[in-house]
Amino acid sequence: MDEETYARAVAVLDAFRARGWTLATAESCTGGLVASALTEVPGSSDVVDRGFVTYSNAAKMAMIGVPEATLAAHGAVSEATARAMAEGALKAAGVDAAVAITGVAGPGGGSETKPVGLVHFACARRDGTTVHQERRFGEIGRAEVRRLSVLQALDLLRSAAS
């Protein structure tokens, strides 16, 4: 893991520890990379409860309760789905905050309305607050879209605990 990712993971864990909070991740296009970054840090088990890798729509529905109607109306790569993923992970895990990521990492799979590099993030907190962010990284390569998505998700988690 690169130093920047590790440092951000440490910052998230420190912020959550300071509040006595736990977290979960719900990941699609990153396939568990956020959970991996967090658990790379020794002692992370006091903060990280679990990670859901919900790559398919069926997994999103079965594991974290994303409504089929949300997926049908908005698609997997959308603000509505990211919010539903974060809120579903929060409920399923019983944690204090959950982050969700869904996007088009590429190189294929993009469309005119949902181009390669489009990623939606959401972070839900137990107090009922859910924050959404959208990033359009562009066609910078699958690995780079995923790397930048991990950094964005870590920043979103740190902000949630601030």
N, C-alpha and C. Protein backbone atom coordinates (compact mmCIF):
# COMPACT_ATOMS: atom_id res chain seq x y z
N MET A 1 0.84 -1.18 0.00
CA MET A 1 0.00 0.00 0.00
C MET A 1 0.89 1.24 0.00
N ASP A 2 0.47 2.25 -0.76
CA ASP A 2 1.27 3.47 -0.82
C ASP A 2 1.13 4.28 0.47
N GLU A 3 2.10 5.14 0.71
CA GLU A 3 2.16 5.92 1.95
C GLU A 3 0.95 6.84 2.14
N GLU A 4 0.47 7.43 1.05
CA GLU A 4 -0.67 8.35 1.15
C GLU A 4 -1.92 7.61 1.63
N THR A 5 -2.19 6.46 1.06
CA THR A 5 -3.36 5.68 1.46
C THR A 5 -3.24 5.24 2.91
N TYR A 6 -2.06 4.76 3.28
CA TYR A 6 -1.84 4.30 4.65
C TYR A 6 -2.06 5.45 5.64
N ALA A 7 -1.51 6.61 5.34
CA ALA A 7 -1.65 7.76 6.24
C ALA A 7 -3.12 8.16 6.39
N ARG A 8 -3.87 8.11 5.31
CA ARG A 8 -5.29 8.47 5.41
C ARG A 8 -6.07 7.42 6.19
N ALA A 9 -5.71 6.16 6.03
CA ALA A 9 -6.36 5.10 6.80
C ALA A 9 -6.09 5.29 8.30
N VAL A 10 -4.85 5.61 8.65
CA VAL A 10 -4.50 5.88 10.05
C VAL A 10 -5.33 7.04 10.58
N ALA A 11 -5.48 8.10 9.78
CA ALA A 11 -6.24 9.27 10.21
C ALA A 11 -7.70 8.92 10.46
N VAL A 12 -8.27 8.08 9.61
CA VAL A 12 -9.66 7.64 9.80
C VAL A 12 -9.77 6.87 11.11
N LEU A 13 -8.90 5.91 11.31
CA LEU A 13 -8.95 5.09 12.51
C LEU A 13 -8.78 5.93 13.77
N ASP A 14 -7.85 6.88 13.73
CA ASP A 14 -7.65 7.77 14.88
C ASP A 14 -8.90 8.60 15.18
N ALA A 15 -9.53 9.12 14.13
CA ALA A 15 -10.74 9.93 14.31
C ALA A 15 -11.88 9.10 14.88
N PHE A 16 -12.02 7.87 14.40
CA PHE A 16 -13.08 7.01 14.92
C PHE A 16 -12.79 6.59 16.36
N ARG A 17 -11.55 6.26 16.65
CA ARG A 17 -11.17 5.89 18.03
C ARG A 17 -11.47 7.03 19.00
N ALA A 18 -11.17 8.24 18.58
CA ALA A 18 -11.39 9.41 19.45
C ALA A 18 -12.86 9.54 19.84
N ARG A 19 -13.75 9.07 18.98
CA ARG A 19 -15.19 9.15 19.27
C ARG A 19 -15.74 7.84 19.83
N GLY A 20 -14.92 6.80 19.83
CA GLY A 20 -15.41 5.50 20.28
C GLY A 20 -16.35 4.86 19.27
N TRP A 21 -16.13 5.17 17.99
CA TRP A 21 -17.02 4.71 16.92
C TRP A 21 -16.45 3.50 16.19
N THR A 22 -17.38 2.79 15.54
CA THR A 22 -17.03 1.70 14.64
C THR A 22 -17.56 2.00 13.25
N LEU A 23 -17.04 1.28 12.25
CA LEU A 23 -17.44 1.55 10.87
C LEU A 23 -17.56 0.28 10.06
N ALA A 24 -18.26 0.44 8.94
CA ALA A 24 -18.38 -0.62 7.94
C ALA A 24 -18.21 0.01 6.56
N THR A 25 -17.86 -0.83 5.60
CA THR A 25 -17.75 -0.37 4.21
C THR A 25 -18.71 -1.17 3.35
N ALA A 26 -19.21 -0.54 2.30
CA ALA A 26 -20.03 -1.20 1.28
C ALA A 26 -19.42 -0.79 -0.06
N GLU A 27 -18.78 -1.74 -0.73
CA GLU A 27 -18.00 -1.41 -1.91
C GLU A 27 -18.45 -2.18 -3.13
N SER A 28 -18.51 -1.47 -4.23
CA SER A 28 -18.78 -2.11 -5.52
C SER A 28 -17.52 -2.03 -6.37
N CYS A 29 -17.29 -0.92 -7.03
CA CYS A 29 -16.17 -0.84 -7.99
C CYS A 29 -14.79 -0.97 -7.34
N THR A 30 -14.68 -0.74 -6.05
CA THR A 30 -13.40 -0.89 -5.37
C THR A 30 -13.18 -2.30 -4.82
N GLY A 31 -14.19 -3.12 -4.82
CA GLY A 31 -14.05 -4.53 -4.48
C GLY A 31 -13.39 -4.84 -3.15
N GLY A 32 -13.56 -3.99 -2.16
CA GLY A 32 -13.00 -4.25 -0.84
C GLY A 32 -11.70 -3.53 -0.55
N LEU A 33 -11.27 -2.66 -1.45
CA LEU A 33 -9.99 -1.97 -1.24
C LEU A 33 -10.00 -0.99 -0.07
N VAL A 34 -11.17 -0.41 0.24
CA VAL A 34 -11.24 0.51 1.38
C VAL A 34 -11.08 -0.29 2.68
N ALA A 35 -11.81 -1.39 2.78
CA ALA A 35 -11.67 -2.24 3.96
C ALA A 35 -10.24 -2.76 4.08
N SER A 36 -9.64 -3.10 2.97
CA SER A 36 -8.26 -3.59 2.97
C SER A 36 -7.31 -2.51 3.46
N ALA A 37 -7.50 -1.28 2.99
CA ALA A 37 -6.63 -0.18 3.43
C ALA A 37 -6.73 0.03 4.94
N LEU A 38 -7.94 0.01 5.45
CA LEU A 38 -8.14 0.22 6.87
C LEU A 38 -7.55 -0.91 7.71
N THR A 39 -7.75 -2.14 7.25
CA THR A 39 -7.27 -3.28 8.04
C THR A 39 -5.79 -3.56 7.84
N GLU A 40 -5.15 -2.84 6.95
CA GLU A 40 -3.69 -2.91 6.81
C GLU A 40 -3.01 -2.31 8.04
N VAL A 41 -3.72 -1.42 8.73
CA VAL A 41 -3.17 -0.74 9.90
C VAL A 41 -3.32 -1.64 11.13
N PRO A 42 -2.23 -1.93 11.81
CA PRO A 42 -2.32 -2.76 13.01
C PRO A 42 -3.27 -2.14 14.05
N GLY A 43 -4.08 -2.99 14.67
CA GLY A 43 -5.00 -2.51 15.69
C GLY A 43 -6.32 -1.98 15.17
N SER A 44 -6.56 -2.10 13.87
CA SER A 44 -7.77 -1.54 13.27
C SER A 44 -9.05 -2.26 13.70
N SER A 45 -8.90 -3.42 14.31
CA SER A 45 -10.09 -4.20 14.67
C SER A 45 -10.97 -3.54 15.72
N ASP A 46 -10.46 -2.55 16.43
CA ASP A 46 -11.31 -1.85 17.39
C ASP A 46 -12.23 -0.84 16.71
N VAL A 47 -12.01 -0.57 15.44
CA VAL A 47 -12.83 0.39 14.69
C VAL A 47 -13.57 -0.28 13.54
N VAL A 48 -12.89 -1.11 12.78
CA VAL A 48 -13.48 -1.73 11.59
C VAL A 48 -14.29 -2.95 11.99
N ASP A 49 -15.59 -2.91 11.72
CA ASP A 49 -16.46 -4.03 12.05
C ASP A 49 -16.55 -5.03 10.92
N ARG A 50 -16.83 -4.52 9.71
CA ARG A 50 -16.97 -5.40 8.55
C ARG A 50 -17.00 -4.61 7.26
N GLY A 51 -16.80 -5.36 6.17
CA GLY A 51 -16.91 -4.78 4.83
C GLY A 51 -17.80 -5.65 3.98
N PHE A 52 -18.63 -5.00 3.20
CA PHE A 52 -19.51 -5.70 2.26
C PHE A 52 -18.99 -5.42 0.85
N VAL A 53 -18.65 -6.45 0.11
CA VAL A 53 -18.32 -6.28 -1.30
C VAL A 53 -19.58 -6.67 -2.07
N THR A 54 -20.25 -5.65 -2.59
CA THR A 54 -21.53 -5.85 -3.27
C THR A 54 -21.37 -5.44 -4.73
N TYR A 55 -20.66 -6.27 -5.45
CA TYR A 55 -20.34 -5.96 -6.84
C TYR A 55 -21.57 -6.06 -7.75
N SER A 56 -22.39 -7.06 -7.52
CA SER A 56 -23.59 -7.24 -8.35
C SER A 56 -24.79 -6.56 -7.72
N ASN A 57 -25.81 -6.32 -8.53
CA ASN A 57 -27.06 -5.77 -8.00
C ASN A 57 -27.69 -6.74 -7.02
N ALA A 58 -27.61 -8.04 -7.31
CA ALA A 58 -28.17 -9.05 -6.42
C ALA A 58 -27.52 -8.97 -5.04
N ALA A 59 -26.20 -8.77 -5.00
CA ALA A 59 -25.50 -8.65 -3.72
C ALA A 59 -25.92 -7.38 -3.00
N LYS A 60 -26.07 -6.29 -3.72
CA LYS A 60 -26.51 -5.04 -3.10
C LYS A 60 -27.86 -5.23 -2.41
N MET A 61 -28.77 -5.94 -3.08
CA MET A 61 -30.09 -6.17 -2.51
C MET A 61 -30.03 -7.16 -1.34
N ALA A 62 -29.35 -8.28 -1.52
CA ALA A 62 -29.35 -9.34 -0.52
C ALA A 62 -28.55 -9.00 0.73
N MET A 63 -27.40 -8.38 0.56
CA MET A 63 -26.50 -8.16 1.70
C MET A 63 -26.79 -6.89 2.48
N ILE A 64 -27.18 -5.82 1.77
CA ILE A 64 -27.35 -4.54 2.47
C ILE A 64 -28.69 -3.87 2.18
N GLY A 65 -29.60 -4.61 1.58
CA GLY A 65 -30.97 -4.14 1.45
C GLY A 65 -31.22 -3.00 0.48
N VAL A 66 -30.39 -2.86 -0.54
CA VAL A 66 -30.68 -1.82 -1.54
C VAL A 66 -31.97 -2.23 -2.25
N PRO A 67 -32.96 -1.34 -2.27
CA PRO A 67 -34.24 -1.70 -2.90
C PRO A 67 -34.09 -1.94 -4.41
N GLU A 68 -34.74 -2.97 -4.88
CA GLU A 68 -34.73 -3.27 -6.31
C GLU A 68 -35.26 -2.08 -7.10
N ALA A 69 -36.25 -1.39 -6.55
CA ALA A 69 -36.83 -0.23 -7.23
C ALA A 69 -35.80 0.89 -7.41
N THR A 70 -34.89 1.05 -6.45
CA THR A 70 -33.83 2.06 -6.57
C THR A 70 -32.91 1.71 -7.72
N LEU A 71 -32.51 0.45 -7.77
CA LEU A 71 -31.62 0.00 -8.85
C LEU A 71 -32.31 0.12 -10.21
N ALA A 72 -33.59 -0.22 -10.27
CA ALA A 72 -34.32 -0.15 -11.53
C ALA A 72 -34.49 1.30 -12.00
N ALA A 73 -34.76 2.19 -11.07
CA ALA A 73 -35.03 3.58 -11.43
C ALA A 73 -33.76 4.39 -11.70
N HIS A 74 -32.69 4.10 -10.96
CA HIS A 74 -31.50 4.94 -11.02
C HIS A 74 -30.25 4.24 -11.51
N GLY A 75 -30.23 2.91 -11.46
CA GLY A 75 -29.06 2.14 -11.84
C GLY A 75 -28.11 1.98 -10.68
N ALA A 76 -27.16 1.07 -10.85
CA ALA A 76 -26.20 0.78 -9.78
C ALA A 76 -25.27 1.96 -9.52
N VAL A 77 -24.94 2.69 -10.56
CA VAL A 77 -24.03 3.84 -10.43
C VAL A 77 -24.87 5.11 -10.36
N SER A 78 -25.23 5.48 -9.14
CA SER A 78 -26.10 6.64 -8.94
C SER A 78 -26.02 7.12 -7.50
N GLU A 79 -26.43 8.34 -7.29
CA GLU A 79 -26.49 8.88 -5.94
C GLU A 79 -27.45 8.06 -5.08
N ALA A 80 -28.62 7.75 -5.64
CA ALA A 80 -29.63 7.01 -4.87
C ALA A 80 -29.10 5.65 -4.41
N THR A 81 -28.38 4.97 -5.29
CA THR A 81 -27.84 3.66 -4.91
C THR A 81 -26.72 3.80 -3.90
N ALA A 82 -25.84 4.77 -4.07
CA ALA A 82 -24.77 4.97 -3.09
C ALA A 82 -25.34 5.25 -1.70
N ARG A 83 -26.36 6.10 -1.65
CA ARG A 83 -27.00 6.41 -0.37
C ARG A 83 -27.64 5.15 0.23
N ALA A 84 -28.34 4.38 -0.60
CA ALA A 84 -28.98 3.16 -0.11
C ALA A 84 -27.95 2.15 0.36
N MET A 85 -26.81 2.07 -0.32
CA MET A 85 -25.74 1.17 0.10
C MET A 85 -25.19 1.57 1.47
N ALA A 86 -24.90 2.85 1.64
CA ALA A 86 -24.34 3.31 2.92
C ALA A 86 -25.34 3.10 4.06
N GLU A 87 -26.57 3.47 3.83
CA GLU A 87 -27.60 3.33 4.86
C GLU A 87 -27.89 1.86 5.15
N GLY A 88 -27.85 1.02 4.11
CA GLY A 88 -28.06 -0.41 4.30
C GLY A 88 -26.93 -1.06 5.08
N ALA A 89 -25.70 -0.67 4.77
CA ALA A 89 -24.55 -1.21 5.49
C ALA A 89 -24.57 -0.77 6.95
N LEU A 90 -24.94 0.47 7.18
CA LEU A 90 -25.04 0.99 8.55
C LEU A 90 -26.03 0.15 9.36
N LYS A 91 -27.18 -0.11 8.77
CA LYS A 91 -28.22 -0.89 9.44
C LYS A 91 -27.79 -2.34 9.63
N ALA A 92 -27.25 -2.95 8.58
CA ALA A 92 -26.87 -4.36 8.65
C ALA A 92 -25.75 -4.61 9.66
N ALA A 93 -24.83 -3.67 9.76
CA ALA A 93 -23.68 -3.86 10.64
C ALA A 93 -23.91 -3.32 12.05
N GLY A 94 -24.83 -2.39 12.21
CA GLY A 94 -25.06 -1.80 13.52
C GLY A 94 -23.89 -0.97 14.01
N VAL A 95 -23.21 -0.30 13.07
CA VAL A 95 -22.04 0.52 13.39
C VAL A 95 -22.44 2.00 13.51
N ASP A 96 -21.45 2.83 13.76
CA ASP A 96 -21.71 4.27 13.89
C ASP A 96 -21.68 5.00 12.56
N ALA A 97 -20.93 4.47 11.58
CA ALA A 97 -20.85 5.09 10.25
C ALA A 97 -20.50 4.02 9.22
N ALA A 98 -20.98 4.24 8.01
CA ALA A 98 -20.67 3.33 6.91
C ALA A 98 -20.45 4.15 5.66
N VAL A 99 -19.45 3.75 4.88
CA VAL A 99 -19.15 4.41 3.62
C VAL A 99 -19.49 3.46 2.48
N ALA A 100 -19.97 4.01 1.38
CA ALA A 100 -20.32 3.21 0.21
C ALA A 100 -19.71 3.82 -1.04
N ILE A 101 -19.34 2.95 -1.98
CA ILE A 101 -18.76 3.36 -3.25
C ILE A 101 -19.38 2.55 -4.36
N THR A 102 -19.82 3.23 -5.43
CA THR A 102 -20.30 2.56 -6.62
C THR A 102 -19.94 3.41 -7.82
N GLY A 103 -19.38 2.79 -8.85
CA GLY A 103 -18.94 3.57 -9.99
C GLY A 103 -18.55 2.73 -11.18
N VAL A 104 -18.02 3.42 -12.18
CA VAL A 104 -17.56 2.79 -13.42
C VAL A 104 -16.05 2.97 -13.48
N ALA A 105 -15.32 1.92 -13.10
CA ALA A 105 -13.87 2.02 -13.06
C ALA A 105 -13.25 1.87 -14.44
N GLY A 106 -13.95 1.21 -15.35
CA GLY A 106 -13.45 1.05 -16.71
C GLY A 106 -12.59 -0.18 -16.86
N PRO A 107 -12.01 -0.38 -18.01
CA PRO A 107 -12.00 0.55 -19.14
C PRO A 107 -13.32 0.58 -19.91
N GLY A 108 -14.12 -0.47 -19.80
CA GLY A 108 -15.43 -0.49 -20.46
C GLY A 108 -16.52 -0.19 -19.47
N GLY A 109 -17.75 -0.34 -19.94
CA GLY A 109 -18.91 -0.20 -19.06
C GLY A 109 -19.49 1.18 -18.96
N GLY A 110 -18.82 2.17 -19.50
CA GLY A 110 -19.34 3.53 -19.43
C GLY A 110 -20.40 3.80 -20.49
N SER A 111 -21.11 4.88 -20.31
CA SER A 111 -22.11 5.32 -21.27
C SER A 111 -22.05 6.84 -21.35
N GLU A 112 -22.87 7.41 -22.19
CA GLU A 112 -22.90 8.88 -22.31
C GLU A 112 -23.29 9.54 -20.99
N THR A 113 -24.26 8.95 -20.30
CA THR A 113 -24.73 9.54 -19.05
C THR A 113 -23.93 9.08 -17.83
N LYS A 114 -23.28 7.92 -17.95
CA LYS A 114 -22.46 7.39 -16.86
C LYS A 114 -21.11 6.96 -17.43
N PRO A 115 -20.24 7.94 -17.65
CA PRO A 115 -18.96 7.64 -18.30
C PRO A 115 -17.98 6.91 -17.39
N VAL A 116 -17.00 6.31 -18.01
CA VAL A 116 -15.91 5.70 -17.26
C VAL A 116 -15.29 6.77 -16.36
N GLY A 117 -15.05 6.40 -15.12
CA GLY A 117 -14.49 7.34 -14.15
C GLY A 117 -15.51 8.00 -13.25
N LEU A 118 -16.82 7.78 -13.52
CA LEU A 118 -17.86 8.32 -12.65
C LEU A 118 -18.00 7.43 -11.42
N VAL A 119 -17.87 8.02 -10.24
CA VAL A 119 -17.99 7.27 -9.00
C VAL A 119 -18.85 8.06 -8.02
N HIS A 120 -19.80 7.35 -7.40
CA HIS A 120 -20.64 7.94 -6.36
C HIS A 120 -20.23 7.38 -5.01
N PHE A 121 -20.15 8.27 -4.03
CA PHE A 121 -19.78 7.92 -2.66
C PHE A 121 -20.90 8.38 -1.74
N ALA A 122 -21.11 7.64 -0.67
CA ALA A 122 -22.03 8.08 0.37
C ALA A 122 -21.49 7.61 1.70
N CYS A 123 -21.76 8.40 2.73
CA CYS A 123 -21.38 8.04 4.09
C CYS A 123 -22.60 8.30 4.97
N ALA A 124 -23.05 7.24 5.63
CA ALA A 124 -24.21 7.33 6.53
C ALA A 124 -23.73 7.22 7.97
N ARG A 125 -24.32 8.05 8.82
CA ARG A 125 -24.00 8.01 10.24
C ARG A 125 -25.24 7.59 11.03
N ARG A 126 -24.98 7.03 12.19
CA ARG A 126 -26.06 6.55 13.05
C ARG A 126 -27.06 7.66 13.40
N ASP A 127 -26.62 8.91 13.42
CA ASP A 127 -27.51 10.02 13.77
C ASP A 127 -28.49 10.37 12.65
N GLY A 128 -28.44 9.64 11.54
CA GLY A 128 -29.38 9.87 10.45
C GLY A 128 -28.82 10.70 9.31
N THR A 129 -27.63 11.21 9.47
CA THR A 129 -27.00 12.01 8.43
C THR A 129 -26.40 11.11 7.36
N THR A 130 -26.71 11.40 6.10
CA THR A 130 -26.05 10.73 4.98
C THR A 130 -25.55 11.79 4.03
N VAL A 131 -24.27 11.72 3.72
CA VAL A 131 -23.62 12.67 2.83
C VAL A 131 -23.26 11.96 1.54
N HIS A 132 -23.48 12.62 0.40
CA HIS A 132 -23.15 12.06 -0.90
C HIS A 132 -22.10 12.93 -1.59
N GLN A 133 -21.21 12.28 -2.32
CA GLN A 133 -20.25 13.00 -3.17
C GLN A 133 -20.17 12.27 -4.50
N GLU A 134 -20.00 13.03 -5.55
CA GLU A 134 -19.81 12.46 -6.89
C GLU A 134 -18.46 12.93 -7.42
N ARG A 135 -17.73 12.01 -8.03
CA ARG A 135 -16.47 12.37 -8.66
C ARG A 135 -16.48 11.84 -10.09
N ARG A 136 -15.93 12.65 -10.96
CA ARG A 136 -15.75 12.25 -12.36
C ARG A 136 -14.25 12.27 -12.63
N PHE A 137 -13.62 11.13 -12.42
CA PHE A 137 -12.17 11.04 -12.55
C PHE A 137 -11.73 10.99 -14.01
N GLY A 138 -12.63 10.60 -14.90
CA GLY A 138 -12.27 10.49 -16.31
C GLY A 138 -11.63 9.15 -16.60
N GLU A 139 -11.22 8.99 -17.85
CA GLU A 139 -10.62 7.73 -18.30
C GLU A 139 -9.13 7.74 -17.99
N ILE A 140 -8.82 7.54 -16.72
CA ILE A 140 -7.44 7.59 -16.24
C ILE A 140 -6.88 6.20 -15.96
N GLY A 141 -7.66 5.19 -16.30
CA GLY A 141 -7.24 3.81 -16.06
C GLY A 141 -7.95 3.23 -14.84
N ARG A 142 -8.29 1.97 -14.94
CA ARG A 142 -9.04 1.29 -13.88
C ARG A 142 -8.34 1.38 -12.53
N ALA A 143 -7.06 1.08 -12.49
CA ALA A 143 -6.33 1.08 -11.22
C ALA A 143 -6.33 2.46 -10.57
N GLU A 144 -6.18 3.50 -11.38
CA GLU A 144 -6.14 4.85 -10.83
C GLU A 144 -7.52 5.31 -10.36
N VAL A 145 -8.58 4.96 -11.08
CA VAL A 145 -9.94 5.28 -10.62
C VAL A 145 -10.18 4.62 -9.27
N ARG A 146 -9.78 3.38 -9.15
CA ARG A 146 -9.98 2.66 -7.89
C ARG A 146 -9.12 3.26 -6.76
N ARG A 147 -7.88 3.60 -7.06
CA ARG A 147 -7.00 4.19 -6.04
C ARG A 147 -7.55 5.52 -5.53
N LEU A 148 -7.95 6.37 -6.47
CA LEU A 148 -8.50 7.67 -6.07
C LEU A 148 -9.83 7.52 -5.34
N SER A 149 -10.58 6.50 -5.69
CA SER A 149 -11.85 6.23 -5.00
C SER A 149 -11.61 5.83 -3.55
N VAL A 150 -10.60 5.03 -3.31
CA VAL A 150 -10.25 4.65 -1.94
C VAL A 150 -9.89 5.90 -1.14
N LEU A 151 -9.06 6.76 -1.70
CA LEU A 151 -8.68 7.99 -1.00
C LEU A 151 -9.89 8.86 -0.69
N GLN A 152 -10.79 8.98 -1.67
CA GLN A 152 -12.00 9.79 -1.47
C GLN A 152 -12.87 9.21 -0.36
N ALA A 153 -13.01 7.89 -0.35
CA ALA A 153 -13.83 7.23 0.67
C ALA A 153 -13.22 7.42 2.06
N LEU A 154 -11.91 7.30 2.15
CA LEU A 154 -11.24 7.52 3.43
C LEU A 154 -11.43 8.95 3.92
N ASP A 155 -11.34 9.91 3.01
CA ASP A 155 -11.57 11.30 3.38
C ASP A 155 -13.00 11.51 3.86
N LEU A 156 -13.94 10.85 3.21
CA LEU A 156 -15.35 10.98 3.58
C LEU A 156 -15.58 10.39 4.98
N LEU A 157 -14.96 9.27 5.26
CA LEU A 157 -15.07 8.67 6.60
C LEU A 157 -14.46 9.59 7.67
N ARG A 158 -13.28 10.10 7.39
CA ARG A 158 -12.63 10.99 8.37
C ARG A 158 -13.50 12.21 8.65
N SER A 159 -14.08 12.77 7.60
CA SER A 159 -14.96 13.92 7.75
C SER A 159 -16.20 13.57 8.60
N ALA A 160 -16.71 12.37 8.41
CA ALA A 160 -17.90 11.94 9.16
C ALA A 160 -17.62 11.87 10.65
N ALA A 161 -16.39 11.57 11.02
CA ALA A 161 -16.03 11.45 12.44
C ALA A 161 -15.51 12.76 13.03
N SER A 162 -15.41 13.79 12.22
CA SER A 162 -14.88 15.09 12.70
C SER A 162 -15.96 15.91 13.39
